[in-house]
């Protein structure tokens, strides 16, 4: 996964990253690195899940970011904190809430960072294409940001308790004055293939998705489709401006798009480990567990390995 080649350019030896570094795991690494630097608060479980007076299924959390003391670094820690709080959940149910708490509101930041920062960085490293399935490729320049408006079938909420009181954040947040939820993804202008890195915030998974066409994509969206359109340049520029806000430099420097891009590439070059199921980092003072069969897949806990087996068993042990 971390093969490198060397090419001479202008009399200087320049590092060129081979395609093997990025196929299949680039999108996973983007998710893994994002949840380690995001300023979107998650935290440890206080109570729930329960139904609010508004009809939302909700979970109460102590608000903290991934890099704050006491905030779970992976699903294994999240599950332990649920049990310690007196609200144990089945791993399959708790995992859905892990995904909701870690990925919400992430779609616009990730896709704008991908097109405006990660793609230029890849091209600089002489990687014009992304291999995604059985040798098929997508040219980086053909990826565009699209917006989706849909009416969610069901909404979920996270009640975050802070020093200033509690606030409720709806995972399927609707636009002001509307009943529609907004979401962003990448679409290839030539092939129609759709790459949705954060659809899991609605489906309860940390898996990035690749769809062959719009019909296949729409069938996975948990709601009624209202509109699907190319995102305007002004909206993209506004998101980049927000992601480069000065306070991010002091609070979480690697959350800024340029720094985040370099972090993702360092992760690829060093083959940095993360849990293949929850995308979380190893707990402090311990290492991730390795699949005993393929010696490649890594997990933060036994529960993650069990939950991921359905996806992993088809490729486990294969080169």
Protein backbone atom coordinates (compact mmCIF):
# COMPACT_ATOMS: atom_id res chain seq x y z
CA UNK A 1 0.00 0.00 0.00
CA UNK A 2 2.87 2.42 0.41
CA UNK A 3 4.88 1.77 -2.73
CA UNK A 4 6.83 4.76 -4.00
CA UNK A 5 8.69 5.48 -7.17
CA UNK A 6 11.20 8.14 -8.09
CA UNK A 7 11.18 10.34 -11.16
CA UNK A 8 13.64 12.96 -12.26
CA UNK A 9 12.24 16.39 -13.01
CA UNK A 10 14.39 19.38 -13.88
CA UNK A 11 17.52 17.67 -12.65
CA UNK A 12 15.94 17.00 -9.25
CA UNK A 13 14.71 13.70 -7.95
CA UNK A 14 11.01 14.03 -7.18
CA UNK A 15 8.89 11.63 -5.17
CA UNK A 16 5.96 10.20 -7.12
CA UNK A 17 3.26 8.23 -5.33
CA UNK A 18 2.06 5.13 -7.15
CA UNK A 19 -1.63 4.42 -7.69
CA UNK A 20 -1.48 1.46 -5.29
CA UNK A 21 -1.19 3.94 -2.44
CA UNK A 22 -4.63 5.35 -3.11
CA UNK A 23 -6.91 2.77 -4.65
CA UNK A 24 -9.51 1.39 -2.25
CA UNK A 25 -8.19 3.12 0.88
CA UNK A 26 -7.96 6.81 -0.03
CA UNK A 27 -11.59 7.51 0.80
CA UNK A 28 -11.36 5.46 4.01
CA UNK A 29 -8.31 7.46 5.07
CA UNK A 30 -10.12 10.73 4.37
CA UNK A 31 -12.88 9.67 6.77
CA UNK A 32 -10.42 8.40 9.37
CA UNK A 33 -8.33 11.56 9.36
CA UNK A 34 -11.39 13.82 9.25
CA UNK A 35 -12.97 12.43 12.41
CA UNK A 36 -9.66 12.98 14.23
CA UNK A 37 -9.52 16.71 13.47
CA UNK A 38 -13.13 17.82 13.05
CA UNK A 39 -14.57 20.49 15.30
CA UNK A 40 -18.04 18.89 15.14
CA UNK A 41 -18.57 17.76 18.75
CA UNK A 42 -19.38 14.20 19.72
CA UNK A 43 -18.53 12.94 23.20
CA UNK A 44 -19.42 10.24 25.67
CA UNK A 45 -22.91 8.88 26.16
CA UNK A 46 -25.00 10.19 29.04
CA UNK A 47 -28.38 8.63 28.23
CA UNK A 48 -30.55 7.26 25.47
CA UNK A 49 -31.48 6.47 22.88
CA UNK A 50 -34.95 7.81 23.51
CA UNK A 51 -37.75 9.60 21.68
CA UNK A 52 -37.93 13.38 22.16
CA UNK A 53 -41.16 15.37 22.46
CA UNK A 54 -40.63 16.39 18.82
CA UNK A 55 -40.61 12.75 17.75
CA UNK A 56 -36.87 12.44 17.09
CA UNK A 57 -34.92 9.38 18.17
CA UNK A 58 -32.14 10.95 20.22
CA UNK A 59 -28.97 10.26 22.17
CA UNK A 60 -27.56 12.49 24.93
CA UNK A 61 -23.81 13.13 24.84
CA UNK A 62 -21.29 15.14 26.81
CA UNK A 63 -20.12 17.55 24.11
CA UNK A 64 -16.44 17.21 23.23
CA UNK A 65 -14.35 16.89 20.08
CA UNK A 66 -12.33 13.86 19.08
CA UNK A 67 -9.08 15.36 20.33
CA UNK A 68 -10.50 16.39 23.74
CA UNK A 69 -9.74 14.40 26.89
CA UNK A 70 -12.49 11.90 27.58
CA UNK A 71 -13.87 11.82 24.06
CA UNK A 72 -13.87 8.27 22.61
CA UNK A 73 -11.15 7.70 20.03
CA UNK A 74 -12.91 4.74 18.43
CA UNK A 75 -16.11 2.74 18.55
CA UNK A 76 -14.71 0.36 21.16
CA UNK A 77 -14.31 3.25 23.61
CA UNK A 78 -17.73 4.62 22.61
CA UNK A 79 -19.32 1.26 23.44
CA UNK A 80 -17.55 1.01 26.81
CA UNK A 81 -18.69 4.53 27.76
CA UNK A 82 -22.27 3.58 26.91
CA UNK A 83 -22.09 0.64 29.30
CA UNK A 84 -20.39 2.67 32.04
CA UNK A 85 -23.09 5.34 31.77
CA UNK A 86 -25.73 2.72 32.60
CA UNK A 87 -27.14 2.69 29.06
CA UNK A 88 -25.65 -0.38 27.39
CA UNK A 89 -26.65 -0.93 23.76
CA UNK A 90 -26.26 -3.75 21.29
CA UNK A 91 -23.10 -3.10 19.24
CA UNK A 92 -25.11 -2.90 16.02
CA UNK A 93 -27.33 -0.15 17.46
CA UNK A 94 -24.50 1.73 19.17
CA UNK A 95 -22.47 1.71 15.95
CA UNK A 96 -25.19 3.56 14.07
CA UNK A 97 -25.04 6.31 16.70
CA UNK A 98 -21.24 6.40 16.47
CA UNK A 99 -21.58 7.11 12.74
CA UNK A 100 -24.21 9.80 13.29
CA UNK A 101 -22.12 11.53 15.93
CA UNK A 102 -18.85 11.45 13.97
CA UNK A 103 -20.00 12.22 10.41
CA UNK A 104 -22.84 14.71 10.72
CA UNK A 105 -22.45 17.99 8.80
CA UNK A 106 -19.26 16.66 7.20
CA UNK A 107 -20.33 16.27 3.57
CA UNK A 108 -19.74 19.83 2.30
CA UNK A 109 -16.37 20.19 4.02
CA UNK A 110 -15.04 16.87 2.73
CA UNK A 111 -16.13 17.26 -0.91
CA UNK A 112 -14.90 20.85 -1.21
CA UNK A 113 -11.57 19.88 0.35
CA UNK A 114 -11.36 16.96 -2.05
CA UNK A 115 -11.92 18.98 -5.23
CA UNK A 116 -10.11 22.18 -4.24
CA UNK A 117 -7.15 20.74 -2.33
CA UNK A 118 -6.74 16.95 -2.51
CA UNK A 119 -7.15 16.71 -6.31
CA UNK A 120 -4.53 19.43 -7.05
CA UNK A 121 -2.18 17.75 -4.59
CA UNK A 122 -2.65 14.39 -6.31
CA UNK A 123 -2.02 15.93 -9.73
CA UNK A 124 1.13 17.53 -8.37
CA UNK A 125 2.24 14.01 -7.47
CA UNK A 126 1.43 12.95 -11.04
CA UNK A 127 -1.75 11.09 -10.16
CA UNK A 128 -4.34 12.10 -12.71
CA UNK A 129 -6.72 9.20 -12.09
CA UNK A 130 -8.30 7.31 -9.20
CA UNK A 131 -8.65 3.54 -9.55
CA UNK A 132 -11.88 2.48 -7.90
CA UNK A 133 -13.06 -0.94 -9.13
CA UNK A 134 -11.42 -3.78 -11.08
CA UNK A 135 -8.98 -1.45 -12.79
CA UNK A 136 -11.59 1.14 -13.77
CA UNK A 137 -10.52 4.73 -13.33
CA UNK A 138 -11.93 8.22 -12.87
CA UNK A 139 -10.02 11.30 -13.95
CA UNK A 140 -9.62 13.73 -11.09
CA UNK A 141 -10.55 16.69 -13.31
CA UNK A 142 -13.91 15.10 -14.12
CA UNK A 143 -15.15 15.11 -10.50
CA UNK A 144 -17.67 17.81 -9.67
CA UNK A 145 -19.56 18.65 -6.49
CA UNK A 146 -23.30 17.99 -6.63
CA UNK A 147 -26.03 18.87 -4.14
CA UNK A 148 -28.97 16.71 -3.17
CA UNK A 149 -32.20 17.87 -1.54
CA UNK A 150 -34.39 15.16 -0.06
CA UNK A 151 -37.17 14.79 2.48
CA UNK A 152 -35.90 12.35 5.14
CA UNK A 153 -38.17 9.46 6.10
CA UNK A 154 -36.95 9.66 9.69
CA UNK A 155 -34.87 12.12 11.69
CA UNK A 156 -32.38 11.50 14.51
CA UNK A 157 -31.03 13.95 17.05
CA UNK A 158 -27.96 14.35 19.24
CA UNK A 159 -28.52 16.25 22.46
CA UNK A 160 -25.18 17.80 23.39
CA UNK A 161 -24.67 18.88 26.99
CA UNK A 162 -22.18 21.74 27.37
CA UNK A 163 -21.10 24.18 30.07
CA UNK A 164 -23.53 26.67 28.55
CA UNK A 165 -26.46 24.28 28.61
CA UNK A 166 -27.75 21.65 26.21
CA UNK A 167 -28.53 21.95 22.53
CA UNK A 168 -30.11 19.59 20.06
CA UNK A 169 -28.56 18.92 16.66
CA UNK A 170 -30.60 17.07 14.05
CA UNK A 171 -28.53 14.62 12.01
CA UNK A 172 -30.83 14.99 8.99
CA UNK A 173 -30.88 18.78 9.42
CA UNK A 174 -33.39 20.48 7.12
CA UNK A 175 -32.95 23.83 5.43
CA UNK A 176 -34.45 26.91 7.14
CA UNK A 177 -38.10 27.28 6.22
CA UNK A 178 -38.12 23.92 4.47
CA UNK A 179 -38.68 20.23 5.15
CA UNK A 180 -35.73 19.23 2.94
CA UNK A 181 -32.32 17.98 3.98
CA UNK A 182 -29.24 19.09 2.02
CA UNK A 183 -26.34 16.77 1.21
CA UNK A 184 -23.23 16.92 -1.00
CA UNK A 185 -21.29 14.32 -2.97
CA UNK A 186 -18.96 13.99 -5.99
CA UNK A 187 -20.11 13.13 -9.51
CA UNK A 188 -17.99 12.25 -12.56
CA UNK A 189 -19.14 14.40 -15.47
CA UNK A 190 -18.12 11.81 -18.08
CA UNK A 191 -19.25 8.52 -16.55
CA UNK A 192 -22.05 9.63 -14.22
CA UNK A 193 -20.44 7.68 -11.38
CA UNK A 194 -21.23 9.13 -7.95
CA UNK A 195 -18.81 9.04 -5.02
CA UNK A 196 -20.50 9.75 -1.69
CA UNK A 197 -17.94 9.71 1.08
CA UNK A 198 -20.34 10.58 3.92
CA UNK A 199 -23.69 9.01 3.04
CA UNK A 200 -23.08 6.88 6.14
CA UNK A 201 -24.19 9.73 8.38
CA UNK A 202 -27.74 8.84 7.27
CA UNK A 203 -27.30 5.09 6.79
CA UNK A 204 -25.35 4.39 9.99
CA UNK A 205 -22.04 3.31 8.48
CA UNK A 206 -18.54 4.76 8.07
CA UNK A 207 -18.26 3.24 4.59
CA UNK A 208 -17.69 5.54 1.58
CA UNK A 209 -19.94 4.63 -1.35
CA UNK A 210 -19.42 4.53 -5.12
CA UNK A 211 -22.52 4.28 -7.33
CA UNK A 212 -22.65 3.52 -11.04
CA UNK A 213 -25.42 6.02 -11.82
CA UNK A 214 -28.04 8.32 -10.33
CA UNK A 215 -30.77 5.67 -10.14
CA UNK A 216 -28.58 3.37 -8.08
CA UNK A 217 -27.60 6.29 -5.85
CA UNK A 218 -31.15 7.55 -5.31
CA UNK A 219 -32.27 4.06 -4.25
CA UNK A 220 -29.90 4.32 -1.25
CA UNK A 221 -30.93 7.80 -0.10
CA UNK A 222 -33.19 7.43 2.97
CA UNK A 223 -35.89 9.81 1.82
CA UNK A 224 -37.86 11.29 -1.05
CA UNK A 225 -35.65 12.96 -3.67
CA UNK A 226 -36.60 16.57 -4.37
CA UNK A 227 -33.67 17.95 -6.38
CA UNK A 228 -30.22 16.91 -7.61
CA UNK A 229 -27.99 19.58 -9.14
CA UNK A 230 -24.44 20.81 -9.65
CA UNK A 231 -23.29 22.95 -6.70
CA UNK A 232 -22.62 26.59 -7.57
CA UNK A 233 -19.10 28.00 -7.40
CA UNK A 234 -20.26 30.65 -4.92
CA UNK A 235 -21.49 27.95 -2.50
CA UNK A 236 -18.22 26.06 -2.87
CA UNK A 237 -16.19 29.22 -2.24
CA UNK A 238 -18.30 30.02 0.83
CA UNK A 239 -17.64 26.56 2.27
CA UNK A 240 -13.89 26.87 1.67
CA UNK A 241 -13.94 30.25 3.42
CA UNK A 242 -15.71 28.74 6.44
CA UNK A 243 -13.27 25.84 6.56
CA UNK A 244 -10.35 28.29 6.53
CA UNK A 245 -11.75 30.40 9.36
CA UNK A 246 -8.95 31.82 11.58
CA UNK A 247 -10.24 30.15 14.76
CA UNK A 248 -9.52 26.72 13.23
CA UNK A 249 -5.78 27.45 13.23
CA UNK A 250 -5.80 27.85 17.00
CA UNK A 251 -8.35 25.15 17.85
CA UNK A 252 -7.63 22.39 15.35
CA UNK A 253 -4.97 23.39 12.78
CA UNK A 254 -5.24 20.16 10.79
CA UNK A 255 -8.95 20.78 10.18
CA UNK A 256 -8.06 23.53 7.70
CA UNK A 257 -8.28 22.15 4.13
CA UNK A 258 -4.63 22.61 3.15
CA UNK A 259 -3.31 21.09 6.36
CA UNK A 260 -5.88 18.30 6.22
CA UNK A 261 -4.79 17.38 2.69
CA UNK A 262 -1.18 17.02 3.80
CA UNK A 263 -2.31 14.94 6.77
CA UNK A 264 -4.20 12.53 4.48
CA UNK A 265 -1.17 12.12 2.23
CA UNK A 266 1.12 11.50 5.21
CA UNK A 267 -1.31 8.81 6.32
CA UNK A 268 -1.12 7.18 2.88
CA UNK A 269 2.67 7.36 2.70
CA UNK A 270 3.23 5.92 6.17
CA UNK A 271 0.37 3.42 5.88
CA UNK A 272 -1.04 4.76 9.14
CA UNK A 273 -3.33 2.26 10.81
CA UNK A 274 -6.99 2.87 11.66
CA UNK A 275 -9.96 0.65 12.46
CA UNK A 276 -11.39 -0.68 9.20
CA UNK A 277 -14.91 -0.60 10.62
CA UNK A 278 -15.31 2.60 12.65
CA UNK A 279 -12.31 4.43 11.08
CA UNK A 280 -11.20 5.38 14.60
CA UNK A 281 -7.65 5.63 15.91
CA UNK A 282 -6.06 3.24 18.38
CA UNK A 283 -6.78 3.86 22.04
CA UNK A 284 -4.06 5.62 23.98
CA UNK A 285 -1.43 3.14 25.14
CA UNK A 286 -2.68 0.25 23.02
CA UNK A 287 -2.47 -1.03 19.45
CA UNK A 288 -5.17 -1.99 16.97
CA UNK A 289 -5.99 -5.68 16.63
CA UNK A 290 -5.02 -7.39 13.35
CA UNK A 291 -7.15 -9.92 11.44
CA UNK A 292 -5.44 -13.25 12.07
CA UNK A 293 -6.27 -14.54 8.58
CA UNK A 294 -5.22 -11.76 6.19
CA UNK A 295 -2.84 -9.93 8.55
CA UNK A 296 -3.99 -6.64 6.97
CA UNK A 297 -7.34 -5.52 8.38
CA UNK A 298 -7.08 -3.74 11.72
CA UNK A 299 -9.76 -3.18 14.35
CA UNK A 300 -10.13 -1.24 17.57
CA UNK A 301 -12.19 -3.96 19.27
CA UNK A 302 -13.75 -7.39 18.77
CA UNK A 303 -17.16 -5.82 18.16
CA UNK A 304 -15.84 -3.83 15.20
CA UNK A 305 -14.28 -6.95 13.69
CA UNK A 306 -17.59 -8.81 14.01
CA UNK A 307 -19.59 -5.93 12.51
CA UNK A 308 -17.12 -5.60 9.62
CA UNK A 309 -16.91 -9.31 8.80
CA UNK A 310 -19.82 -9.20 6.33
CA UNK A 311 -17.85 -6.73 4.19
CA UNK A 312 -14.42 -8.21 4.85
CA UNK A 313 -15.00 -11.94 4.44
CA UNK A 314 -15.18 -11.74 0.64
CA UNK A 315 -11.65 -10.31 0.37
CA UNK A 316 -10.00 -11.62 3.52
CA UNK A 317 -6.88 -13.55 2.63
CA UNK A 318 -6.83 -12.34 -0.98
CA UNK A 319 -3.95 -10.36 -2.42
